[in-house]
């Protein structure tokens, strides 16, 4: 089902592969309606797949029974906004609704608009303590609160996990400090979804981001997946950067932050 639109559904496809849906109360709901199937990932993030109004109504009832709260609801805009309208009476007002997020994609044969930065490379496991502050800063800037409370050990493990899989790209300065970072947060079905893109504040506005993203695209296509996608708020100035790096709009997401 996810493979019917692998770009839009890569997050859920990757979670299915990673978790193998272990446990008696797995994180995935399915709905079969007159031969038309739909899915809904129900964990810290709630994400629908191919769900029409009747499926979304069924999912909403299951989600509120399963979870008292989630960090976000995101995915294809029409499905997310319909699902959220059904969840809001139980979960209350959201922190923010981002109703227009551009899904942008690069595929083989697409032309990159700028030369790739040769200094962008995979992060090494021994660099985890340099990558963690960059990851923390990006999350806090994007979401509005820190990625963890109390001990950083769990968050550090998740950052290290991405590095060990070869899914974190960095550029460092002469001191070894991270000045650019990007992660492949989800990989499945021939698609890699980029997340966590961050440029150190001192290096912003100097033309670093577009060549760095072009390098991420080149290296990901060569080693991980033939299609690279991401989603970005329509008001974000990074949209122009991604276009320069070769990304084109292929869909629309929405995110409800809770």
Protein backbone atom coordinates (compact mmCIF):
# COMPACT_ATOMS: atom_id res chain seq x y z
CA UNK A 1 0.00 0.00 0.00
CA UNK A 2 2.81 2.42 0.81
CA UNK A 3 4.44 1.55 -2.51
CA UNK A 4 1.48 2.99 -4.41
CA UNK A 5 3.06 6.37 -3.63
CA UNK A 6 6.49 5.72 -2.10
CA UNK A 7 7.46 9.39 -1.88
CA UNK A 8 4.40 10.42 0.11
CA UNK A 9 4.41 7.28 2.25
CA UNK A 10 8.13 6.71 2.88
CA UNK A 11 7.89 7.52 6.60
CA UNK A 12 5.33 4.81 7.32
CA UNK A 13 7.04 2.32 4.99
CA UNK A 14 10.35 2.83 6.81
CA UNK A 15 8.73 2.40 10.22
CA UNK A 16 7.07 -0.85 9.11
CA UNK A 17 10.42 -2.20 7.89
CA UNK A 18 12.29 -1.07 11.02
CA UNK A 19 9.79 -2.33 13.60
CA UNK A 20 8.45 -5.41 11.75
CA UNK A 21 5.23 -4.49 13.64
CA UNK A 22 6.42 -6.40 16.68
CA UNK A 23 4.13 -6.89 19.64
CA UNK A 24 0.47 -7.71 20.20
CA UNK A 25 -0.51 -4.04 20.07
CA UNK A 26 1.50 -2.88 17.11
CA UNK A 27 1.64 0.77 16.05
CA UNK A 28 -0.20 0.32 12.75
CA UNK A 29 -3.94 0.29 12.12
CA UNK A 30 -5.45 -1.05 8.91
CA UNK A 31 -8.91 -0.48 7.48
CA UNK A 32 -10.41 -2.53 4.67
CA UNK A 33 -13.49 -0.98 3.12
CA UNK A 34 -15.05 -2.65 0.09
CA UNK A 35 -11.65 -3.73 -1.16
CA UNK A 36 -10.02 -0.31 -0.65
CA UNK A 37 -7.41 -0.45 2.08
CA UNK A 38 -6.03 2.33 4.25
CA UNK A 39 -3.39 2.51 6.98
CA UNK A 40 -2.66 4.74 9.95
CA UNK A 41 0.63 4.75 11.85
CA UNK A 42 -0.19 5.41 15.50
CA UNK A 43 2.81 6.11 17.68
CA UNK A 44 4.39 9.38 18.84
CA UNK A 45 3.50 10.54 15.33
CA UNK A 46 0.13 9.75 13.77
CA UNK A 47 0.38 9.34 9.98
CA UNK A 48 -2.42 8.21 7.61
CA UNK A 49 -1.87 6.37 4.32
CA UNK A 50 -4.44 6.28 1.48
CA UNK A 51 -7.27 7.04 3.89
CA UNK A 52 -10.63 8.41 2.74
CA UNK A 53 -13.29 9.95 5.00
CA UNK A 54 -14.78 6.66 6.21
CA UNK A 55 -11.37 5.17 6.96
CA UNK A 56 -10.32 8.35 8.75
CA UNK A 57 -13.45 8.23 10.90
CA UNK A 58 -12.62 4.66 11.89
CA UNK A 59 -8.98 5.53 12.56
CA UNK A 60 -9.86 8.54 14.70
CA UNK A 61 -11.86 6.35 17.07
CA UNK A 62 -9.01 3.85 17.36
CA UNK A 63 -6.33 6.53 17.81
CA UNK A 64 -8.06 8.25 20.73
CA UNK A 65 -8.64 4.88 22.40
CA UNK A 66 -4.97 3.95 21.98
CA UNK A 67 -3.28 7.26 22.80
CA UNK A 68 -4.05 10.18 25.09
CA UNK A 69 -1.56 12.37 23.23
CA UNK A 70 0.91 12.40 20.34
CA UNK A 71 3.62 14.83 19.31
CA UNK A 72 2.21 15.40 15.83
CA UNK A 73 -0.15 14.34 13.10
CA UNK A 74 1.38 14.64 9.63
CA UNK A 75 1.19 13.37 6.09
CA UNK A 76 -0.82 14.15 2.94
CA UNK A 77 -2.67 17.39 3.53
CA UNK A 78 -6.25 16.25 2.80
CA UNK A 79 -5.97 13.19 5.01
CA UNK A 80 -4.25 15.00 7.90
CA UNK A 81 -6.67 17.90 8.10
CA UNK A 82 -9.68 15.55 7.94
CA UNK A 83 -8.18 13.27 10.60
CA UNK A 84 -7.27 16.19 12.84
CA UNK A 85 -10.81 17.58 12.69
CA UNK A 86 -11.93 14.25 14.16
CA UNK A 87 -9.16 14.08 16.79
CA UNK A 88 -9.29 17.67 18.05
CA UNK A 89 -12.48 17.27 20.13
CA UNK A 90 -10.65 14.64 22.21
CA UNK A 91 -7.11 16.02 22.15
CA UNK A 92 -7.81 19.73 22.36
CA UNK A 93 -6.31 22.70 20.56
CA UNK A 94 -2.95 22.13 18.82
CA UNK A 95 0.16 24.23 19.31
CA UNK A 96 0.30 24.90 15.59
CA UNK A 97 -1.22 23.72 12.31
CA UNK A 98 1.14 23.86 9.31
CA UNK A 99 -1.40 23.34 6.55
CA UNK A 100 0.82 23.99 3.50
CA UNK A 101 4.08 22.08 3.44
CA UNK A 102 5.77 21.47 0.12
CA UNK A 103 6.82 17.90 -0.61
CA UNK A 104 9.92 18.29 -2.79
CA UNK A 105 11.73 15.50 -4.63
CA UNK A 106 14.79 14.81 -6.78
CA UNK A 107 14.85 11.77 -9.04
CA UNK A 108 17.48 10.28 -11.35
CA UNK A 109 17.91 12.47 -14.43
CA UNK A 110 16.90 15.67 -12.64
CA UNK A 111 19.44 18.46 -13.03
CA UNK A 112 21.09 19.84 -9.91
CA UNK A 113 21.16 23.63 -10.05
CA UNK A 114 24.50 24.07 -8.31
CA UNK A 115 27.75 22.08 -8.06
CA UNK A 116 27.91 19.72 -5.10
CA UNK A 117 30.00 20.81 -2.11
CA UNK A 118 33.00 18.43 -1.99
CA UNK A 119 33.43 19.03 1.76
CA UNK A 120 30.10 17.39 2.69
CA UNK A 121 30.62 13.81 3.90
CA UNK A 122 29.18 11.15 6.17
CA UNK A 123 29.53 11.82 9.87
CA UNK A 124 31.71 9.40 11.83
CA UNK A 125 30.60 7.70 15.07
CA UNK A 126 33.44 9.40 16.96
CA UNK A 127 31.87 12.75 15.99
CA UNK A 128 28.55 12.09 17.71
CA UNK A 129 29.19 14.66 20.45
CA UNK A 130 29.76 17.30 17.77
CA UNK A 131 26.63 16.29 15.85
CA UNK A 132 24.30 16.21 18.87
CA UNK A 133 24.40 20.02 19.47
CA UNK A 134 23.61 20.63 15.78
CA UNK A 135 20.70 18.18 15.96
CA UNK A 136 19.41 19.78 19.16
CA UNK A 137 19.59 23.27 17.65
CA UNK A 138 17.78 22.25 14.49
CA UNK A 139 14.97 20.51 16.40
CA UNK A 140 14.49 23.41 18.79
CA UNK A 141 14.42 25.98 15.97
CA UNK A 142 11.94 23.95 13.94
CA UNK A 143 9.58 22.61 16.61
CA UNK A 144 9.86 25.27 19.31
CA UNK A 145 11.04 23.18 22.25
CA UNK A 146 14.09 20.96 22.97
CA UNK A 147 14.14 17.34 21.75
CA UNK A 148 14.46 15.90 25.27
CA UNK A 149 14.07 16.76 28.94
CA UNK A 150 16.52 15.65 31.59
CA UNK A 151 19.22 13.25 30.46
CA UNK A 152 20.43 13.48 26.86
CA UNK A 153 21.45 9.81 26.75
CA UNK A 154 18.45 8.58 24.77
CA UNK A 155 18.67 11.41 22.28
CA UNK A 156 22.40 10.84 21.86
CA UNK A 157 21.72 7.16 21.09
CA UNK A 158 19.23 8.09 18.38
CA UNK A 159 21.71 10.52 16.78
CA UNK A 160 24.44 7.87 16.95
CA UNK A 161 22.09 5.35 15.37
CA UNK A 162 21.64 7.53 12.29
CA UNK A 163 25.39 8.08 12.06
CA UNK A 164 26.12 4.36 12.33
CA UNK A 165 23.67 3.61 9.51
CA UNK A 166 25.42 6.14 7.29
CA UNK A 167 22.40 8.43 7.31
CA UNK A 168 23.94 11.65 8.64
CA UNK A 169 25.86 14.09 6.44
CA UNK A 170 28.00 16.92 7.77
CA UNK A 171 30.37 19.64 6.77
CA UNK A 172 32.82 20.77 9.44
CA UNK A 173 35.08 23.79 9.78
CA UNK A 174 38.83 23.76 10.45
CA UNK A 175 38.20 23.11 14.16
CA UNK A 176 35.98 20.08 13.51
CA UNK A 177 32.79 21.92 14.51
CA UNK A 178 29.68 21.00 12.51
CA UNK A 179 28.54 23.87 10.27
CA UNK A 180 26.08 21.87 8.10
CA UNK A 181 24.06 18.76 8.91
CA UNK A 182 21.37 16.70 7.20
CA UNK A 183 19.91 13.29 8.03
CA UNK A 184 18.14 10.58 6.10
CA UNK A 185 15.31 10.07 8.56
CA UNK A 186 13.38 7.47 6.56
CA UNK A 187 14.57 5.12 3.82
CA UNK A 188 12.26 2.65 2.07
CA UNK A 189 10.94 1.61 -1.33
CA UNK A 190 13.74 3.33 -3.23
CA UNK A 191 13.15 6.67 -1.50
CA UNK A 192 15.22 8.51 1.11
CA UNK A 193 13.56 11.30 3.09
CA UNK A 194 15.87 14.08 4.23
CA UNK A 195 15.23 15.71 7.59
CA UNK A 196 17.11 17.74 10.17
CA UNK A 197 18.76 20.10 7.68
CA UNK A 198 20.71 22.71 9.64
CA UNK A 199 23.32 25.38 8.94
CA UNK A 200 25.25 27.01 11.78
CA UNK A 201 23.95 30.58 12.30
CA UNK A 202 27.38 32.09 11.58
CA UNK A 203 27.39 30.46 8.15
CA UNK A 204 23.87 31.35 7.06
CA UNK A 205 23.40 33.66 4.11
CA UNK A 206 26.75 32.71 2.58
CA UNK A 207 25.54 30.28 -0.08
CA UNK A 208 26.57 27.15 1.78
CA UNK A 209 23.22 25.31 1.95
CA UNK A 210 22.39 24.68 -1.71
CA UNK A 211 25.76 23.11 -2.68
CA UNK A 212 25.69 21.11 0.56
CA UNK A 213 22.22 19.77 -0.27
CA UNK A 214 23.38 18.96 -3.80
CA UNK A 215 26.14 16.87 -2.23
CA UNK A 216 23.61 15.08 -0.03
CA UNK A 217 21.54 14.30 -3.13
CA UNK A 218 24.51 12.99 -5.12
CA UNK A 219 25.85 10.80 -2.34
CA UNK A 220 22.41 9.47 -1.38
CA UNK A 221 21.58 8.54 -4.97
CA UNK A 222 24.92 6.77 -5.34
CA UNK A 223 24.69 4.79 -2.10
CA UNK A 224 21.21 4.67 -0.59
CA UNK A 225 18.21 5.34 -2.85
CA UNK A 226 17.49 6.73 -6.33
CA UNK A 227 14.89 9.25 -5.16
CA UNK A 228 15.39 11.85 -2.43
CA UNK A 229 12.51 13.76 -0.89
CA UNK A 230 11.80 16.20 1.93
CA UNK A 231 8.99 18.46 3.07
CA UNK A 232 9.26 22.08 4.06
CA UNK A 233 6.91 24.83 5.25
CA UNK A 234 5.72 27.02 2.40
CA UNK A 235 6.90 30.15 4.25
CA UNK A 236 10.40 28.80 4.83
CA UNK A 237 13.16 30.60 2.93
CA UNK A 238 14.83 27.20 2.48
CA UNK A 239 12.36 26.43 -0.34
CA UNK A 240 14.52 28.47 -2.71
CA UNK A 241 17.63 26.64 -1.48
CA UNK A 242 16.11 23.25 -2.19
CA UNK A 243 15.03 24.35 -5.65
CA UNK A 244 18.59 25.46 -6.39
CA UNK A 245 19.77 22.01 -5.32
CA UNK A 246 17.44 20.36 -7.85
CA UNK A 247 14.31 19.61 -5.82
CA UNK A 248 10.90 20.13 -7.42
CA UNK A 249 7.50 20.16 -5.75
CA UNK A 250 5.69 16.82 -6.00
CA UNK A 251 2.96 17.07 -3.35
CA UNK A 252 1.62 18.78 -0.24
CA UNK A 253 1.82 17.73 3.38
CA UNK A 254 0.28 19.15 6.53
CA UNK A 255 1.56 18.86 10.08
CA UNK A 256 -0.38 19.40 13.29
CA UNK A 257 2.01 20.04 16.20
CA UNK A 258 0.63 19.09 19.60
